Amino acid sequence: MTSKELQYVEDALGHEQFFQSKCNETMNQLQDESLRSCVQQMAQKHQQIFTSLYGLL
């Protein structure tokens, strides 16, 4: 893996962590259970993407 590719993966990991934390933050503020569930699914999806990208390293 080139240094540029490694930098891209590191940036993508950071973005996925940010998205997941924002989803979790938003989820904790929602009262509607269906919206909470939707945002929780998004957080889980970002965790899966993070795990996949981390596996490339």
PDB file of N, CA and C in Angstrom:
ATOM      1  N   MET A   1       0.850  -1.157   0.000  1.00  0.00           N
ATOM      2  CA  MET A   1       0.000   0.000   0.000  1.00  0.00           C
ATOM      3  C   MET A   1       0.908   1.236   0.000  1.00  0.00           C
ATOM      4  N   THR A   2       0.636   2.156  -0.902  1.00  0.00           N
ATOM      5  CA  THR A   2       1.446   3.373  -0.967  1.00  0.00           C
ATOM      6  C   THR A   2       1.103   4.292   0.206  1.00  0.00           C
ATOM      7  N   SER A   3       1.968   5.268   0.434  1.00  0.00           N
ATOM      8  CA  SER A   3       1.711   6.204   1.533  1.00  0.00           C
ATOM      9  C   SER A   3       0.457   7.032   1.275  1.00  0.00           C
ATOM     10  N   LYS A   4       0.189   7.342   0.018  1.00  0.00           N
ATOM     11  CA  LYS A   4      -1.020   8.101  -0.319  1.00  0.00           C
ATOM     12  C   LYS A   4      -2.266   7.255  -0.058  1.00  0.00           C
ATOM     13  N   GLU A   5      -2.222   5.991  -0.408  1.00  0.00           N
ATOM     14  CA  GLU A   5      -3.353   5.100  -0.132  1.00  0.00           C
ATOM     15  C   GLU A   5      -3.565   4.926   1.369  1.00  0.00           C
ATOM     16  N   LEU A   6      -2.483   4.804   2.107  1.00  0.00           N
ATOM     17  CA  LEU A   6      -2.565   4.681   3.558  1.00  0.00           C
ATOM     18  C   LEU A   6      -3.182   5.942   4.168  1.00  0.00           C
ATOM     19  N   GLN A   7      -2.794   7.088   3.661  1.00  0.00           N
ATOM     20  CA  GLN A   7      -3.356   8.340   4.151  1.00  0.00           C
ATOM     21  C   GLN A   7      -4.860   8.397   3.866  1.00  0.00           C
ATOM     22  N   TYR A   8      -5.277   7.939   2.687  1.00  0.00           N
ATOM     23  CA  TYR A   8      -6.701   7.911   2.356  1.00  0.00           C
ATOM     24  C   TYR A   8      -7.455   7.020   3.338  1.00  0.00           C
ATOM     25  N   VAL A   9      -6.927   5.850   3.631  1.00  0.00           N
ATOM     26  CA  VAL A   9      -7.590   4.927   4.558  1.00  0.00           C
ATOM     27  C   VAL A   9      -7.658   5.547   5.952  1.00  0.00           C
ATOM     28  N   GLU A  10      -6.590   6.191   6.385  1.00  0.00           N
ATOM     29  CA  GLU A  10      -6.592   6.843   7.696  1.00  0.00           C
ATOM     30  C   GLU A  10      -7.640   7.957   7.754  1.00  0.00           C
ATOM     31  N   ASP A  11      -7.748   8.752   6.687  1.00  0.00           N
ATOM     32  CA  ASP A  11      -8.761   9.801   6.628  1.00  0.00           C
ATOM     33  C   ASP A  11     -10.165   9.198   6.667  1.00  0.00           C
ATOM     34  N   ALA A  12     -10.360   8.144   5.911  1.00  0.00           N
ATOM     35  CA  ALA A  12     -11.668   7.493   5.874  1.00  0.00           C
ATOM     36  C   ALA A  12     -12.030   6.922   7.247  1.00  0.00           C
ATOM     37  N   LEU A  13     -11.054   6.363   7.950  1.00  0.00           N
ATOM     38  CA  LEU A  13     -11.302   5.859   9.308  1.00  0.00           C
ATOM     39  C   LEU A  13     -11.744   6.989  10.227  1.00  0.00           C
ATOM     40  N   GLY A  14     -11.077   8.122  10.131  1.00  0.00           N
ATOM     41  CA  GLY A  14     -11.441   9.276  10.941  1.00  0.00           C
ATOM     42  C   GLY A  14     -12.851   9.762  10.636  1.00  0.00           C
ATOM     43  N   HIS A  15     -13.203   9.779   9.362  1.00  0.00           N
ATOM     44  CA  HIS A  15     -14.548  10.199   8.973  1.00  0.00           C
ATOM     45  C   HIS A  15     -15.598   9.241   9.521  1.00  0.00           C
ATOM     46  N   GLU A  16     -15.338   7.969   9.432  1.00  0.00           N
ATOM     47  CA  GLU A  16     -16.301   6.989   9.928  1.00  0.00           C
ATOM     48  C   GLU A  16     -16.471   7.100  11.441  1.00  0.00           C
ATOM     49  N   GLN A  17     -15.395   7.346  12.158  1.00  0.00           N
ATOM     50  CA  GLN A  17     -15.499   7.539  13.607  1.00  0.00           C
ATOM     51  C   GLN A  17     -16.332   8.783  13.917  1.00  0.00           C
ATOM     52  N   PHE A  18     -16.103   9.844  13.155  1.00  0.00           N
ATOM     53  CA  PHE A  18     -16.859  11.077  13.348  1.00  0.00           C
ATOM     54  C   PHE A  18     -18.346  10.842  13.086  1.00  0.00           C
ATOM     55  N   PHE A  19     -18.669  10.181  11.967  1.00  0.00           N
ATOM     56  CA  PHE A  19     -20.071   9.915  11.637  1.00  0.00           C
ATOM     57  C   PHE A  19     -20.736   9.067  12.714  1.00  0.00           C
ATOM     58  N   GLN A  20     -20.020   8.079  13.188  1.00  0.00           N
ATOM     59  CA  GLN A  20     -20.584   7.208  14.218  1.00  0.00           C
ATOM     60  C   GLN A  20     -20.834   7.990  15.500  1.00  0.00           C
ATOM     61  N   SER A  21     -19.897   8.833  15.895  1.00  0.00           N
ATOM     62  CA  SER A  21     -20.090   9.606  17.123  1.00  0.00           C
ATOM     63  C   SER A  21     -21.247  10.589  16.978  1.00  0.00           C
ATOM     64  N   LYS A  22     -21.404  11.191  15.810  1.00  0.00           N
ATOM     65  CA  LYS A  22     -22.522  12.111  15.588  1.00  0.00           C
ATOM     66  C   LYS A  22     -23.855  11.364  15.601  1.00  0.00           C
ATOM     67  N   CYS A  23     -23.876  10.180  15.038  1.00  0.00           N
ATOM     68  CA  CYS A  23     -25.100   9.366  15.083  1.00  0.00           C
ATOM     69  C   CYS A  23     -25.460   9.036  16.532  1.00  0.00           C
ATOM     70  N   ASN A  24     -24.478   8.626  17.312  1.00  0.00           N
ATOM     71  CA  ASN A  24     -24.732   8.289  18.713  1.00  0.00           C
ATOM     72  C   ASN A  24     -25.191   9.512  19.497  1.00  0.00           C
ATOM     73  N   GLU A  25     -24.581  10.653  19.235  1.00  0.00           N
ATOM     74  CA  GLU A  25     -24.971  11.889  19.900  1.00  0.00           C
ATOM     75  C   GLU A  25     -26.415  12.257  19.551  1.00  0.00           C
ATOM     76  N   THR A  26     -26.750  12.154  18.281  1.00  0.00           N
ATOM     77  CA  THR A  26     -28.104  12.476  17.823  1.00  0.00           C
ATOM     78  C   THR A  26     -29.109  11.487  18.391  1.00  0.00           C
ATOM     79  N   MET A  27     -28.744  10.228  18.389  1.00  0.00           N
ATOM     80  CA  MET A  27     -29.635   9.185  18.890  1.00  0.00           C
ATOM     81  C   MET A  27     -30.033   9.454  20.338  1.00  0.00           C
ATOM     82  N   ASN A  28     -29.101   9.922  21.135  1.00  0.00           N
ATOM     83  CA  ASN A  28     -29.368  10.185  22.547  1.00  0.00           C
ATOM     84  C   ASN A  28     -30.292  11.383  22.755  1.00  0.00           C
ATOM     85  N   GLN A  29     -30.438  12.210  21.733  1.00  0.00           N
ATOM     86  CA  GLN A  29     -31.282  13.395  21.848  1.00  0.00           C
ATOM     87  C   GLN A  29     -32.692  13.170  21.302  1.00  0.00           C
ATOM     88  N   LEU A  30     -32.900  12.084  20.595  1.00  0.00           N
ATOM     89  CA  LEU A  30     -34.199  11.835  19.966  1.00  0.00           C
ATOM     90  C   LEU A  30     -35.178  11.196  20.931  1.00  0.00           C
ATOM     91  N   GLN A  31     -36.425  11.613  20.837  1.00  0.00           N
ATOM     92  CA  GLN A  31     -37.497  11.042  21.654  1.00  0.00           C
ATOM     93  C   GLN A  31     -38.258   9.958  20.883  1.00  0.00           C
ATOM     94  N   ASP A  32     -38.392  10.144  19.592  1.00  0.00           N
ATOM     95  CA  ASP A  32     -39.151   9.219  18.748  1.00  0.00           C
ATOM     96  C   ASP A  32     -38.370   7.917  18.572  1.00  0.00           C
ATOM     97  N   GLU A  33     -38.975   6.812  18.966  1.00  0.00           N
ATOM     98  CA  GLU A  33     -38.281   5.509  18.928  1.00  0.00           C
ATOM     99  C   GLU A  33     -37.945   5.064  17.506  1.00  0.00           C
ATOM    100  N   SER A  34     -38.809   5.367  16.543  1.00  0.00           N
ATOM    101  CA  SER A  34     -38.526   4.943  15.165  1.00  0.00           C
ATOM    102  C   SER A  34     -37.333   5.721  14.603  1.00  0.00           C
ATOM    103  N   LEU A  35     -37.233   7.004  14.934  1.00  0.00           N
ATOM    104  CA  LEU A  35     -36.073   7.784  14.502  1.00  0.00           C
ATOM    105  C   LEU A  35     -34.804   7.318  15.210  1.00  0.00           C
ATOM    106  N   ARG A  36     -34.924   7.023  16.498  1.00  0.00           N
ATOM    107  CA  ARG A  36     -33.774   6.509  17.255  1.00  0.00           C
ATOM    108  C   ARG A  36     -33.263   5.216  16.627  1.00  0.00           C
ATOM    109  N   SER A  37     -34.186   4.370  16.246  1.00  0.00           N
ATOM    110  CA  SER A  37     -33.820   3.089  15.635  1.00  0.00           C
ATOM    111  C   SER A  37     -33.104   3.308  14.302  1.00  0.00           C
ATOM    112  N   CYS A  38     -33.616   4.235  13.521  1.00  0.00           N
ATOM    113  CA  CYS A  38     -33.001   4.536  12.225  1.00  0.00           C
ATOM    114  C   CYS A  38     -31.583   5.058  12.406  1.00  0.00           C
ATOM    115  N   VAL A  39     -31.403   5.992  13.337  1.00  0.00           N
ATOM    116  CA  VAL A  39     -30.083   6.569  13.582  1.00  0.00           C
ATOM    117  C   VAL A  39     -29.148   5.517  14.179  1.00  0.00           C
ATOM    118  N   GLN A  40     -29.684   4.630  14.997  1.00  0.00           N
ATOM    119  CA  GLN A  40     -28.863   3.555  15.556  1.00  0.00           C
ATOM    120  C   GLN A  40     -28.362   2.632  14.445  1.00  0.00           C
ATOM    121  N   GLN A  41     -29.204   2.352  13.466  1.00  0.00           N
ATOM    122  CA  GLN A  41     -28.797   1.527  12.329  1.00  0.00           C
ATOM    123  C   GLN A  41     -27.686   2.216  11.537  1.00  0.00           C
ATOM    124  N   MET A  42     -27.805   3.540  11.386  1.00  0.00           N
ATOM    125  CA  MET A  42     -26.750   4.285  10.685  1.00  0.00           C
ATOM    126  C   MET A  42     -25.438   4.207  11.449  1.00  0.00           C
ATOM    127  N   ALA A  43     -25.498   4.324  12.775  1.00  0.00           N
ATOM    128  CA  ALA A  43     -24.287   4.226  13.591  1.00  0.00           C
ATOM    129  C   ALA A  43     -23.648   2.851  13.436  1.00  0.00           C
ATOM    130  N   GLN A  44     -24.469   1.821  13.423  1.00  0.00           N
ATOM    131  CA  GLN A  44     -23.947   0.461  13.257  1.00  0.00           C
ATOM    132  C   GLN A  44     -23.315   0.289  11.883  1.00  0.00           C
ATOM    133  N   LYS A  45     -23.922   0.886  10.860  1.00  0.00           N
ATOM    134  CA  LYS A  45     -23.373   0.791   9.510  1.00  0.00           C
ATOM    135  C   LYS A  45     -22.008   1.472   9.441  1.00  0.00           C
ATOM    136  N   HIS A  46     -21.885   2.634  10.085  1.00  0.00           N
ATOM    137  CA  HIS A  46     -20.589   3.325  10.098  1.00  0.00           C
ATOM    138  C   HIS A  46     -19.550   2.509  10.866  1.00  0.00           C
ATOM    139  N   GLN A  47     -19.975   1.800  11.900  1.00  0.00           N
ATOM    140  CA  GLN A  47     -19.048   0.927  12.634  1.00  0.00           C
ATOM    141  C   GLN A  47     -18.579  -0.217  11.733  1.00  0.00           C
ATOM    142  N   GLN A  48     -19.488  -0.775  10.940  1.00  0.00           N
ATOM    143  CA  GLN A  48     -19.124  -1.850  10.021  1.00  0.00           C
ATOM    144  C   GLN A  48     -18.128  -1.349   8.973  1.00  0.00           C
ATOM    145  N   ILE A  49     -18.376  -0.156   8.454  1.00  0.00           N
ATOM    146  CA  ILE A  49     -17.472   0.418   7.454  1.00  0.00           C
ATOM    147  C   ILE A  49     -16.098   0.658   8.076  1.00  0.00           C
ATOM    148  N   PHE A  50     -16.085   1.191   9.310  1.00  0.00           N
ATOM    149  CA  PHE A  50     -14.819   1.417  10.014  1.00  0.00           C
ATOM    150  C   PHE A  50     -14.052   0.109  10.158  1.00  0.00           C
ATOM    151  N   THR A  51     -14.748  -0.936  10.586  1.00  0.00           N
ATOM    152  CA  THR A  51     -14.113  -2.235  10.784  1.00  0.00           C
ATOM    153  C   THR A  51     -13.549  -2.773   9.473  1.00  0.00           C
ATOM    154  N   SER A  52     -14.282  -2.597   8.389  1.00  0.00           N
ATOM    155  CA  SER A  52     -13.809  -3.058   7.079  1.00  0.00           C
ATOM    156  C   SER A  52     -12.567  -2.299   6.659  1.00  0.00           C
ATOM    157  N   LEU A  53     -12.594  -0.988   6.821  1.00  0.00           N
ATOM    158  CA  LEU A  53     -11.429  -0.184   6.444  1.00  0.00           C
ATOM    159  C   LEU A  53     -10.228  -0.517   7.323  1.00  0.00           C
ATOM    160  N   TYR A  54     -10.474  -0.703   8.603  1.00  0.00           N
ATOM    161  CA  TYR A  54      -9.395  -1.029   9.523  1.00  0.00           C
ATOM    162  C   TYR A  54      -8.759  -2.372   9.146  1.00  0.00           C
ATOM    163  N   GLY A  55      -9.568  -3.267   8.626  1.00  0.00           N
ATOM    164  CA  GLY A  55      -9.066  -4.558   8.173  1.00  0.00           C
ATOM    165  C   GLY A  55      -8.077  -4.444   7.020  1.00  0.00           C
ATOM    166  N   LEU A  56      -8.138  -3.342   6.294  1.00  0.00           N
ATOM    167  CA  LEU A  56      -7.191  -3.138   5.183  1.00  0.00           C
ATOM    168  C   LEU A  56      -5.786  -2.861   5.696  1.00  0.00           C
ATOM    169  N   LEU A  57      -5.698  -2.395   6.922  1.00  0.00           N
ATOM    170  CA  LEU A  57      -4.385  -2.078   7.471  1.00  0.00           C
ATOM    171  C   LEU A  57      -3.757  -3.339   7.971  1.00  0.00           C
TER     172      LEU A  57
END
